Amino acid sequence: MIIRVYESGDLEALGRLHALSRRHAYAGLLPPEAIERIDATEMTAGWVRRFATTDRTYAVLVAETAGGLAGFCMLTLEDGDTAALNAIHVHPDYHGSGLAPRLHDEAVALMRAWGCGSAYLWVLVGNDRAQAFYRRRGWVADGTRDSQSIGGVDAHILRYALAL
């Protein structure tokens, strides 16, 4: 397995993986009808729009196997010396394989290379697996809450911060 920078030819696979990972990770946390609306075609279109309109410094790292993409992470440079870890998603078959920590560590190393002193991310409230993952890596919930539309419903999210 290799971790590399995303290429434009990865967009369809990225959309499929993102939808599959979200459907799996958010099952039981969102209503079934919201899970059903998480669609690979729409996720791919979202990635196309994101790359066409972003004016920020960003990076998308993908984990590639002989069978295709197994995971990805996205990070952006925000204001000044702050970065955002926008996503880490891993194919359910690779949960527990060590892939998510590898993606995380690559993302944090890149944030430091950008000169960032801090980072933040958002986690779905109730996603205990993700919250525990980030806490084990030094992220701390800072008490800030918000919501995000996922599958057509407002999902409550919690912000975590990390000093780099």
N, C-alpha and C. Protein backbone atom coordinates (compact mmCIF):
# COMPACT_ATOMS: atom_id res chain seq x y z
N MET A 1 0.85 -1.18 0.00
CA MET A 1 0.00 0.00 0.00
C MET A 1 0.90 1.24 0.00
N ILE A 2 0.55 2.20 -0.82
CA ILE A 2 1.28 3.45 -0.85
C ILE A 2 0.34 4.60 -0.51
N ILE A 3 0.90 5.62 0.10
CA ILE A 3 0.16 6.87 0.33
C ILE A 3 0.79 7.90 -0.59
N ARG A 4 -0.06 8.55 -1.36
CA ARG A 4 0.42 9.52 -2.34
C ARG A 4 -0.56 10.68 -2.43
N VAL A 5 -0.16 11.71 -3.14
CA VAL A 5 -1.02 12.85 -3.38
C VAL A 5 -2.07 12.45 -4.42
N TYR A 6 -3.28 12.88 -4.20
CA TYR A 6 -4.38 12.59 -5.11
C TYR A 6 -4.05 13.11 -6.51
N GLU A 7 -4.61 12.44 -7.52
CA GLU A 7 -4.52 12.87 -8.91
C GLU A 7 -5.94 13.01 -9.45
N SER A 8 -6.11 13.82 -10.48
CA SER A 8 -7.46 14.07 -10.99
C SER A 8 -8.16 12.78 -11.43
N GLY A 9 -7.42 11.79 -11.84
CA GLY A 9 -8.02 10.51 -12.22
C GLY A 9 -8.59 9.73 -11.06
N ASP A 10 -8.35 10.19 -9.83
CA ASP A 10 -8.84 9.50 -8.63
C ASP A 10 -10.25 9.93 -8.23
N LEU A 11 -10.80 10.95 -8.89
CA LEU A 11 -12.04 11.57 -8.40
C LEU A 11 -13.20 10.59 -8.26
N GLU A 12 -13.43 9.75 -9.25
CA GLU A 12 -14.56 8.82 -9.16
C GLU A 12 -14.36 7.83 -8.02
N ALA A 13 -13.15 7.28 -7.91
CA ALA A 13 -12.87 6.33 -6.82
C ALA A 13 -12.95 7.04 -5.47
N LEU A 14 -12.52 8.29 -5.43
CA LEU A 14 -12.60 9.07 -4.20
C LEU A 14 -14.05 9.26 -3.77
N GLY A 15 -14.91 9.60 -4.73
CA GLY A 15 -16.33 9.76 -4.43
C GLY A 15 -16.97 8.47 -3.93
N ARG A 16 -16.64 7.35 -4.58
CA ARG A 16 -17.19 6.05 -4.14
C ARG A 16 -16.73 5.69 -2.74
N LEU A 17 -15.44 5.87 -2.49
CA LEU A 17 -14.89 5.55 -1.17
C LEU A 17 -15.48 6.45 -0.10
N HIS A 18 -15.60 7.73 -0.39
CA HIS A 18 -16.15 8.68 0.58
C HIS A 18 -17.58 8.30 0.95
N ALA A 19 -18.39 7.98 -0.06
CA ALA A 19 -19.78 7.59 0.21
C ALA A 19 -19.83 6.29 1.02
N LEU A 20 -19.06 5.29 0.64
CA LEU A 20 -19.06 4.01 1.35
C LEU A 20 -18.63 4.20 2.80
N SER A 21 -17.58 4.95 3.01
CA SER A 21 -17.07 5.17 4.36
C SER A 21 -18.08 5.92 5.22
N ARG A 22 -18.68 6.96 4.65
CA ARG A 22 -19.69 7.72 5.40
C ARG A 22 -20.88 6.84 5.76
N ARG A 23 -21.36 6.08 4.79
CA ARG A 23 -22.52 5.21 5.05
C ARG A 23 -22.21 4.24 6.19
N HIS A 24 -21.03 3.70 6.18
CA HIS A 24 -20.63 2.74 7.20
C HIS A 24 -20.43 3.42 8.56
N ALA A 25 -19.68 4.52 8.57
CA ALA A 25 -19.34 5.19 9.83
C ALA A 25 -20.54 5.85 10.50
N TYR A 26 -21.51 6.32 9.70
CA TYR A 26 -22.62 7.08 10.25
C TYR A 26 -23.88 6.25 10.45
N ALA A 27 -23.84 4.96 10.08
CA ALA A 27 -24.99 4.08 10.33
C ALA A 27 -25.26 4.04 11.83
N GLY A 28 -26.49 4.26 12.20
CA GLY A 28 -26.87 4.28 13.61
C GLY A 28 -26.73 5.67 14.23
N LEU A 29 -26.02 6.56 13.57
CA LEU A 29 -25.87 7.93 14.07
C LEU A 29 -26.79 8.90 13.36
N LEU A 30 -27.18 8.54 12.15
CA LEU A 30 -28.10 9.34 11.35
C LEU A 30 -29.31 8.48 11.00
N PRO A 31 -30.44 9.09 10.71
CA PRO A 31 -31.61 8.30 10.31
C PRO A 31 -31.32 7.48 9.05
N PRO A 32 -31.93 6.30 8.92
CA PRO A 32 -31.68 5.44 7.76
C PRO A 32 -31.89 6.15 6.42
N GLU A 33 -32.89 7.04 6.35
CA GLU A 33 -33.13 7.73 5.08
C GLU A 33 -31.97 8.67 4.73
N ALA A 34 -31.30 9.23 5.72
CA ALA A 34 -30.14 10.08 5.46
C ALA A 34 -28.97 9.23 4.96
N ILE A 35 -28.79 8.07 5.56
CA ILE A 35 -27.71 7.16 5.13
C ILE A 35 -27.94 6.75 3.67
N GLU A 36 -29.18 6.45 3.34
CA GLU A 36 -29.50 6.04 1.97
C GLU A 36 -29.23 7.13 0.96
N ARG A 37 -29.32 8.38 1.38
CA ARG A 37 -29.10 9.51 0.46
C ARG A 37 -27.62 9.82 0.24
N ILE A 38 -26.73 9.20 0.99
CA ILE A 38 -25.29 9.40 0.77
C ILE A 38 -24.94 8.61 -0.48
N ASP A 39 -24.70 9.32 -1.56
CA ASP A 39 -24.60 8.74 -2.89
C ASP A 39 -23.20 8.97 -3.48
N ALA A 40 -22.62 7.95 -4.06
CA ALA A 40 -21.28 8.05 -4.64
C ALA A 40 -21.22 9.06 -5.77
N THR A 41 -22.25 9.12 -6.60
CA THR A 41 -22.24 10.07 -7.71
C THR A 41 -22.24 11.50 -7.19
N GLU A 42 -23.06 11.76 -6.19
CA GLU A 42 -23.11 13.10 -5.61
C GLU A 42 -21.81 13.43 -4.87
N MET A 43 -21.24 12.44 -4.19
CA MET A 43 -19.96 12.68 -3.49
C MET A 43 -18.87 13.02 -4.51
N THR A 44 -18.85 12.31 -5.63
CA THR A 44 -17.87 12.61 -6.68
C THR A 44 -18.07 14.02 -7.20
N ALA A 45 -19.31 14.39 -7.46
CA ALA A 45 -19.61 15.75 -7.94
C ALA A 45 -19.15 16.78 -6.91
N GLY A 46 -19.32 16.47 -5.64
CA GLY A 46 -18.87 17.39 -4.59
C GLY A 46 -17.36 17.58 -4.61
N TRP A 47 -16.62 16.50 -4.85
CA TRP A 47 -15.17 16.62 -4.95
C TRP A 47 -14.78 17.46 -6.17
N VAL A 48 -15.46 17.25 -7.29
CA VAL A 48 -15.18 18.04 -8.49
C VAL A 48 -15.40 19.52 -8.20
N ARG A 49 -16.54 19.85 -7.56
CA ARG A 49 -16.84 21.25 -7.22
C ARG A 49 -15.79 21.81 -6.26
N ARG A 50 -15.41 21.03 -5.28
CA ARG A 50 -14.45 21.48 -4.27
C ARG A 50 -13.12 21.86 -4.94
N PHE A 51 -12.64 21.03 -5.82
CA PHE A 51 -11.35 21.31 -6.45
C PHE A 51 -11.44 22.44 -7.47
N ALA A 52 -12.61 22.63 -8.05
CA ALA A 52 -12.77 23.70 -9.04
C ALA A 52 -12.88 25.07 -8.40
N THR A 53 -13.29 25.13 -7.13
CA THR A 53 -13.57 26.43 -6.52
C THR A 53 -12.63 26.81 -5.39
N THR A 54 -11.79 25.91 -4.93
CA THR A 54 -10.98 26.25 -3.77
C THR A 54 -9.86 27.22 -4.14
N ASP A 55 -9.68 28.20 -3.28
CA ASP A 55 -8.56 29.12 -3.44
C ASP A 55 -7.61 28.99 -2.26
N ARG A 56 -7.83 27.97 -1.45
CA ARG A 56 -6.98 27.73 -0.28
C ARG A 56 -5.87 26.74 -0.65
N THR A 57 -4.83 26.75 0.17
CA THR A 57 -3.84 25.70 0.09
C THR A 57 -4.47 24.45 0.68
N TYR A 58 -4.40 23.35 -0.03
CA TYR A 58 -4.99 22.12 0.46
C TYR A 58 -4.15 20.94 -0.01
N ALA A 59 -4.41 19.79 0.58
CA ALA A 59 -3.79 18.54 0.14
C ALA A 59 -4.79 17.42 0.35
N VAL A 60 -4.82 16.51 -0.58
CA VAL A 60 -5.58 15.27 -0.45
C VAL A 60 -4.58 14.14 -0.64
N LEU A 61 -4.47 13.32 0.37
CA LEU A 61 -3.60 12.15 0.31
C LEU A 61 -4.48 10.92 0.18
N VAL A 62 -4.10 10.01 -0.70
CA VAL A 62 -4.86 8.78 -0.88
C VAL A 62 -3.97 7.59 -0.57
N ALA A 63 -4.59 6.55 -0.04
CA ALA A 63 -3.91 5.28 0.20
C ALA A 63 -4.36 4.34 -0.90
N GLU A 64 -3.41 3.85 -1.66
CA GLU A 64 -3.72 3.03 -2.83
C GLU A 64 -3.19 1.62 -2.64
N THR A 65 -4.04 0.67 -2.99
CA THR A 65 -3.65 -0.74 -3.01
C THR A 65 -3.79 -1.23 -4.44
N ALA A 66 -3.43 -2.47 -4.67
CA ALA A 66 -3.59 -3.04 -6.01
C ALA A 66 -5.06 -3.04 -6.42
N GLY A 67 -5.96 -3.07 -5.45
CA GLY A 67 -7.39 -3.09 -5.74
C GLY A 67 -8.03 -1.72 -5.86
N GLY A 68 -7.29 -0.65 -5.65
CA GLY A 68 -7.85 0.69 -5.74
C GLY A 68 -7.58 1.50 -4.49
N LEU A 69 -8.39 2.53 -4.27
CA LEU A 69 -8.21 3.38 -3.11
C LEU A 69 -8.78 2.72 -1.86
N ALA A 70 -7.99 2.74 -0.79
CA ALA A 70 -8.41 2.16 0.48
C ALA A 70 -8.69 3.22 1.53
N GLY A 71 -8.24 4.45 1.29
CA GLY A 71 -8.45 5.52 2.24
C GLY A 71 -7.98 6.83 1.69
N PHE A 72 -8.36 7.92 2.38
CA PHE A 72 -7.89 9.25 1.99
C PHE A 72 -8.01 10.18 3.18
N CYS A 73 -7.30 11.28 3.09
CA CYS A 73 -7.48 12.38 4.02
C CYS A 73 -7.36 13.68 3.24
N MET A 74 -8.02 14.70 3.75
CA MET A 74 -7.95 16.04 3.17
C MET A 74 -7.65 17.03 4.26
N LEU A 75 -6.76 17.98 3.97
CA LEU A 75 -6.45 19.03 4.91
C LEU A 75 -6.32 20.34 4.16
N THR A 76 -6.62 21.42 4.86
CA THR A 76 -6.53 22.75 4.27
C THR A 76 -5.79 23.68 5.22
N LEU A 77 -5.10 24.63 4.63
CA LEU A 77 -4.48 25.70 5.39
C LEU A 77 -5.53 26.77 5.59
N GLU A 78 -5.79 27.09 6.82
CA GLU A 78 -6.83 28.07 7.14
C GLU A 78 -6.17 29.41 7.42
N ASP A 79 -6.67 30.16 8.36
CA ASP A 79 -6.13 31.48 8.68
C ASP A 79 -4.76 31.38 9.34
N GLY A 80 -3.80 32.14 8.83
CA GLY A 80 -2.49 32.23 9.46
C GLY A 80 -1.80 30.89 9.56
N ASP A 81 -1.60 30.46 10.80
CA ASP A 81 -0.86 29.22 11.00
C ASP A 81 -1.75 28.08 11.50
N THR A 82 -3.00 28.09 11.09
CA THR A 82 -3.96 27.06 11.50
C THR A 82 -4.33 26.21 10.29
N ALA A 83 -4.40 24.91 10.51
CA ALA A 83 -4.81 23.98 9.47
C ALA A 83 -6.09 23.28 9.91
N ALA A 84 -6.84 22.78 8.95
CA ALA A 84 -8.02 21.97 9.24
C ALA A 84 -7.81 20.59 8.66
N LEU A 85 -8.07 19.58 9.45
CA LEU A 85 -8.12 18.21 8.96
C LEU A 85 -9.58 17.99 8.59
N ASN A 86 -9.86 18.10 7.31
CA ASN A 86 -11.24 18.08 6.84
C ASN A 86 -11.84 16.68 6.82
N ALA A 87 -11.02 15.67 6.63
CA ALA A 87 -11.56 14.31 6.53
C ALA A 87 -10.46 13.28 6.61
N ILE A 88 -10.76 12.19 7.25
CA ILE A 88 -10.01 10.94 7.08
C ILE A 88 -11.10 9.88 6.90
N HIS A 89 -11.05 9.19 5.79
CA HIS A 89 -11.99 8.11 5.54
C HIS A 89 -11.23 6.89 5.05
N VAL A 90 -11.59 5.74 5.61
CA VAL A 90 -10.93 4.48 5.27
C VAL A 90 -12.01 3.47 4.90
N HIS A 91 -11.75 2.70 3.87
CA HIS A 91 -12.67 1.63 3.48
C HIS A 91 -12.91 0.74 4.69
N PRO A 92 -14.15 0.33 4.95
CA PRO A 92 -14.43 -0.50 6.13
C PRO A 92 -13.57 -1.76 6.22
N ASP A 93 -13.15 -2.32 5.10
CA ASP A 93 -12.30 -3.51 5.12
C ASP A 93 -10.93 -3.22 5.73
N TYR A 94 -10.56 -1.95 5.83
CA TYR A 94 -9.24 -1.58 6.35
C TYR A 94 -9.30 -1.00 7.76
N HIS A 95 -10.49 -1.02 8.38
CA HIS A 95 -10.57 -0.59 9.78
C HIS A 95 -9.69 -1.50 10.63
N GLY A 96 -8.91 -0.91 11.49
CA GLY A 96 -8.04 -1.68 12.37
C GLY A 96 -6.73 -2.11 11.71
N SER A 97 -6.51 -1.71 10.48
CA SER A 97 -5.30 -2.14 9.76
C SER A 97 -4.09 -1.24 10.01
N GLY A 98 -4.31 -0.09 10.64
CA GLY A 98 -3.23 0.88 10.80
C GLY A 98 -3.21 1.93 9.71
N LEU A 99 -4.12 1.82 8.74
CA LEU A 99 -4.15 2.78 7.65
C LEU A 99 -4.57 4.18 8.12
N ALA A 100 -5.60 4.27 8.91
CA ALA A 100 -6.06 5.59 9.39
C ALA A 100 -4.95 6.31 10.17
N PRO A 101 -4.24 5.64 11.08
CA PRO A 101 -3.13 6.33 11.75
C PRO A 101 -2.04 6.79 10.78
N ARG A 102 -1.75 6.00 9.76
CA ARG A 102 -0.76 6.43 8.76
C ARG A 102 -1.21 7.69 8.04
N LEU A 103 -2.48 7.71 7.62
CA LEU A 103 -3.01 8.91 6.95
C LEU A 103 -2.96 10.11 7.89
N HIS A 104 -3.38 9.90 9.13
CA HIS A 104 -3.36 10.96 10.13
C HIS A 104 -1.95 11.52 10.29
N ASP A 105 -0.98 10.65 10.47
CA ASP A 105 0.38 11.11 10.71
C ASP A 105 0.96 11.85 9.51
N GLU A 106 0.63 11.39 8.31
CA GLU A 106 1.06 12.10 7.09
C GLU A 106 0.43 13.49 7.04
N ALA A 107 -0.84 13.58 7.40
CA ALA A 107 -1.53 14.88 7.39
C ALA A 107 -0.91 15.83 8.41
N VAL A 108 -0.66 15.35 9.61
CA VAL A 108 -0.06 16.20 10.65
C VAL A 108 1.34 16.64 10.23
N ALA A 109 2.12 15.75 9.64
CA ALA A 109 3.45 16.12 9.16
C ALA A 109 3.37 17.22 8.11
N LEU A 110 2.40 17.13 7.23
CA LEU A 110 2.22 18.15 6.20
C LEU A 110 1.80 19.49 6.82
N MET A 111 0.92 19.44 7.82
CA MET A 111 0.52 20.68 8.51
C MET A 111 1.74 21.35 9.12
N ARG A 112 2.60 20.57 9.73
CA ARG A 112 3.82 21.13 10.32
C ARG A 112 4.73 21.70 9.25
N ALA A 113 4.83 21.00 8.10
CA ALA A 113 5.65 21.49 7.00
C ALA A 113 5.11 22.82 6.46
N TRP A 114 3.80 23.02 6.55
CA TRP A 114 3.20 24.29 6.16
C TRP A 114 3.49 25.40 7.17
N GLY A 115 4.06 25.05 8.31
CA GLY A 115 4.35 26.04 9.33
C GLY A 115 3.22 26.28 10.31
N CYS A 116 2.26 25.37 10.35
CA CYS A 116 1.10 25.53 11.23
C CYS A 116 1.47 25.25 12.68
N GLY A 117 0.87 26.01 13.57
CA GLY A 117 1.07 25.80 15.00
C GLY A 117 -0.11 25.11 15.66
N SER A 118 -1.25 25.06 14.94
CA SER A 118 -2.43 24.41 15.49
C SER A 118 -3.30 23.88 14.35
N ALA A 119 -4.19 22.98 14.73
CA ALA A 119 -5.11 22.41 13.76
C ALA A 119 -6.44 22.13 14.45
N TYR A 120 -7.48 22.00 13.63
CA TYR A 120 -8.78 21.61 14.16
C TYR A 120 -9.45 20.66 13.19
N LEU A 121 -10.45 19.98 13.68
CA LEU A 121 -11.28 19.09 12.88
C LEU A 121 -12.64 19.01 13.51
N TRP A 122 -13.59 18.48 12.77
CA TRP A 122 -14.96 18.30 13.26
C TRP A 122 -15.31 16.82 13.22
N VAL A 123 -15.98 16.36 14.27
CA VAL A 123 -16.41 14.96 14.37
C VAL A 123 -17.90 14.94 14.67
N LEU A 124 -18.59 14.01 14.05
CA LEU A 124 -20.01 13.84 14.30
C LEU A 124 -20.23 13.46 15.77
N VAL A 125 -21.12 14.19 16.44
CA VAL A 125 -21.46 13.86 17.82
C VAL A 125 -22.00 12.43 17.83
N GLY A 126 -21.52 11.63 18.73
CA GLY A 126 -21.93 10.23 18.82
C GLY A 126 -21.00 9.28 18.09
N ASN A 127 -20.09 9.81 17.28
CA ASN A 127 -19.15 8.95 16.57
C ASN A 127 -17.99 8.65 17.52
N ASP A 128 -18.27 7.77 18.46
CA ASP A 128 -17.32 7.47 19.52
C ASP A 128 -16.02 6.89 18.97
N ARG A 129 -16.11 6.08 17.92
CA ARG A 129 -14.90 5.48 17.34
C ARG A 129 -13.96 6.57 16.84
N ALA A 130 -14.47 7.53 16.09
CA ALA A 130 -13.64 8.62 15.57
C ALA A 130 -13.12 9.49 16.70
N GLN A 131 -13.98 9.81 17.65
CA GLN A 131 -13.54 10.66 18.75
C GLN A 131 -12.40 10.00 19.54
N ALA A 132 -12.51 8.70 19.80
CA ALA A 132 -11.45 7.99 20.52
C ALA A 132 -10.16 7.96 19.69
N PHE A 133 -10.30 7.76 18.39
CA PHE A 133 -9.14 7.77 17.48
C PHE A 133 -8.37 9.08 17.62
N TYR A 134 -9.08 10.20 17.56
CA TYR A 134 -8.41 11.49 17.62
C TYR A 134 -7.86 11.78 19.02
N ARG A 135 -8.58 11.41 20.05
CA ARG A 135 -8.07 11.63 21.42
C ARG A 135 -6.76 10.87 21.63
N ARG A 136 -6.66 9.64 21.11
CA ARG A 136 -5.42 8.86 21.24
C ARG A 136 -4.24 9.56 20.56
N ARG A 137 -4.53 10.45 19.64
CA ARG A 137 -3.48 11.15 18.91
C ARG A 137 -3.29 12.58 19.38
N GLY A 138 -3.84 12.90 20.54
CA GLY A 138 -3.59 14.19 21.16
C GLY A 138 -4.61 15.28 20.89
N TRP A 139 -5.62 15.00 20.09
CA TRP A 139 -6.67 16.00 19.82
C TRP A 139 -7.55 16.14 21.05
N VAL A 140 -8.03 17.36 21.29
CA VAL A 140 -8.85 17.64 22.46
C VAL A 140 -10.13 18.35 22.01
N ALA A 141 -11.27 17.84 22.47
CA ALA A 141 -12.54 18.53 22.19
C ALA A 141 -12.50 19.88 22.87
N ASP A 142 -12.78 20.94 22.10
CA ASP A 142 -12.70 22.28 22.69
C ASP A 142 -14.07 22.84 23.09
N GLY A 143 -15.11 22.04 22.96
CA GLY A 143 -16.45 22.45 23.38
C GLY A 143 -17.26 23.15 22.32
N THR A 144 -16.66 23.48 21.18
CA THR A 144 -17.38 24.16 20.11
C THR A 144 -18.24 23.15 19.35
N ARG A 145 -19.50 23.50 19.16
CA ARG A 145 -20.43 22.63 18.45
C ARG A 145 -21.03 23.38 17.27
N ASP A 146 -21.45 22.61 16.29
CA ASP A 146 -22.06 23.19 15.10
C ASP A 146 -22.93 22.09 14.49
N SER A 147 -23.39 22.32 13.28
CA SER A 147 -24.12 21.28 12.56
C SER A 147 -23.69 21.31 11.10
N GLN A 148 -23.89 20.20 10.45
CA GLN A 148 -23.52 20.02 9.04
C GLN A 148 -24.60 19.16 8.41
N SER A 149 -24.96 19.48 7.19
CA SER A 149 -25.95 18.66 6.49
C SER A 149 -25.28 17.42 5.92
N ILE A 150 -25.78 16.27 6.31
CA ILE A 150 -25.30 14.99 5.79
C ILE A 150 -26.52 14.18 5.40
N GLY A 151 -26.59 13.80 4.15
CA GLY A 151 -27.75 13.03 3.68
C GLY A 151 -29.06 13.78 3.84
N GLY A 152 -28.98 15.10 3.82
CA GLY A 152 -30.19 15.91 3.90
C GLY A 152 -30.69 16.17 5.31
N VAL A 153 -29.94 15.78 6.32
CA VAL A 153 -30.34 16.09 7.70
C VAL A 153 -29.22 16.87 8.38
N ASP A 154 -29.60 17.70 9.35
CA ASP A 154 -28.59 18.41 10.11
C ASP A 154 -27.98 17.47 11.14
N ALA A 155 -26.68 17.27 11.01
CA ALA A 155 -25.95 16.42 11.94
C ALA A 155 -25.13 17.30 12.87
N HIS A 156 -25.18 17.02 14.14
CA HIS A 156 -24.43 17.80 15.13
C HIS A 156 -22.98 17.36 15.13
N ILE A 157 -22.09 18.35 15.13
CA ILE A 157 -20.65 18.07 15.09
C ILE A 157 -19.94 18.79 16.22
N LEU A 158 -18.82 18.23 16.60
CA LEU A 158 -18.01 18.72 17.73
C LEU A 158 -16.60 18.98 17.22
N ARG A 159 -16.03 20.13 17.62
CA ARG A 159 -14.68 20.49 17.15
C ARG A 159 -13.62 19.97 18.11
N TYR A 160 -12.56 19.46 17.52
CA TYR A 160 -11.35 19.03 18.24
C TYR A 160 -10.19 19.90 17.77
N ALA A 161 -9.23 20.15 18.67
CA ALA A 161 -8.07 20.96 18.36
C ALA A 161 -6.80 20.19 18.71
N LEU A 162 -5.74 20.55 18.01
CA LEU A 162 -4.43 19.93 18.24
C LEU A 162 -3.36 21.01 18.13
N ALA A 163 -2.50 21.09 19.15
CA ALA A 163 -1.33 21.97 19.07
C ALA A 163 -0.27 21.20 18.30
N LEU A 164 0.27 21.84 17.29
CA LEU A 164 1.28 21.18 16.45
C LEU A 164 2.69 21.55 16.92
